Amino acid sequence: MSATNRGDRLRAIGGALLLSAATMVAACSPKPPPDLVKPQREALDRAKAVEGSLLKQADEQRRTIDDASR
């Protein structure tokens, strides 16, 4: 085996090891995906809060009307 073939093989192996190490480092530190449904969930929670308030007001109005009609 000649020195240039040996050097080429070592360079190829070193490159493969470097690529493998870089891939493993990148795979070990993933960024969390963006929370795409968070704004929708917050809007739903706000809507539910408004619904509760409206139902409470409607119930109070019904009671007032019932009391007035007696």
Protein backbone atom coordinates (compact mmCIF):
# COMPACT_ATOMS: atom_id res chain seq x y z
CA MET A 1 0.00 0.00 0.00
CA SER A 2 1.46 3.35 -0.99
CA ALA A 3 1.62 6.39 1.26
CA THR A 4 -0.86 8.39 -0.84
CA ASN A 5 -3.48 5.62 -0.76
CA ARG A 6 -3.01 5.35 2.99
CA GLY A 7 -3.34 9.12 3.46
CA ASP A 8 -6.45 9.22 1.28
CA ARG A 9 -8.03 6.42 3.26
CA LEU A 10 -7.21 8.11 6.58
CA ARG A 11 -8.63 11.38 5.28
CA ALA A 12 -11.83 9.64 4.15
CA ILE A 13 -12.20 7.87 7.51
CA GLY A 14 -11.50 11.12 9.38
CA GLY A 15 -14.09 12.94 7.27
CA ALA A 16 -16.67 10.23 7.93
CA LEU A 17 -15.97 10.35 11.66
CA LEU A 18 -16.23 14.14 11.68
CA LEU A 19 -19.53 14.00 9.79
CA SER A 20 -20.87 11.33 12.16
CA ALA A 21 -19.85 13.35 15.22
CA ALA A 22 -21.46 16.53 13.84
CA THR A 23 -24.67 14.64 13.09
CA MET A 24 -24.81 13.17 16.58
CA VAL A 25 -24.25 16.56 18.22
CA ALA A 26 -26.98 18.12 16.09
CA ALA A 27 -29.36 15.27 16.89
CA CYS A 28 -28.77 15.55 20.64
CA SER A 29 -29.82 19.18 20.89
CA PRO A 30 -33.14 19.51 19.05
CA LYS A 31 -35.04 22.75 19.20
CA PRO A 32 -38.60 22.35 20.43
CA PRO A 33 -41.17 22.79 17.69
CA PRO A 34 -43.24 25.96 17.80
CA ASP A 35 -46.55 25.62 19.61
CA LEU A 36 -48.89 26.22 16.69
CA VAL A 37 -52.12 25.66 18.57
CA LYS A 38 -51.32 27.84 21.61
CA PRO A 39 -52.97 31.01 20.22
CA GLN A 40 -56.05 29.02 19.23
CA ARG A 41 -56.23 27.41 22.67
CA GLU A 42 -55.97 30.82 24.35
CA ALA A 43 -58.73 32.22 22.12
CA LEU A 44 -60.95 29.25 22.99
CA ASP A 45 -60.34 29.80 26.71
CA ARG A 46 -61.26 33.48 26.38
CA ALA A 47 -64.41 32.56 24.44
CA LYS A 48 -65.42 30.09 27.15
CA ALA A 49 -64.95 32.78 29.80
CA VAL A 50 -67.16 35.19 27.83
CA GLU A 51 -69.75 32.43 27.35
CA GLY A 52 -69.91 31.86 31.10
CA SER A 53 -70.43 35.55 31.71
CA LEU A 54 -73.19 35.74 29.08
CA LEU A 55 -74.98 32.69 30.49
CA LYS A 56 -74.84 34.17 33.98
CA GLN A 57 -76.30 37.48 32.76
CA ALA A 58 -79.03 35.68 30.80
CA ASP A 59 -79.97 33.66 33.89
CA GLU A 60 -80.16 36.81 36.02
CA GLN A 61 -82.31 38.50 33.38
CA ARG A 62 -84.66 35.51 33.24
CA ARG A 63 -85.02 35.57 37.02
CA THR A 64 -85.76 39.30 36.97
CA ILE A 65 -88.44 38.82 34.31
CA ASP A 66 -89.95 35.86 36.17
CA ASP A 67 -90.03 37.83 39.44
CA ALA A 68 -91.64 40.82 37.72
CA SER A 69 -94.37 38.69 36.11
CA ARG A 70 -95.54 37.22 39.41
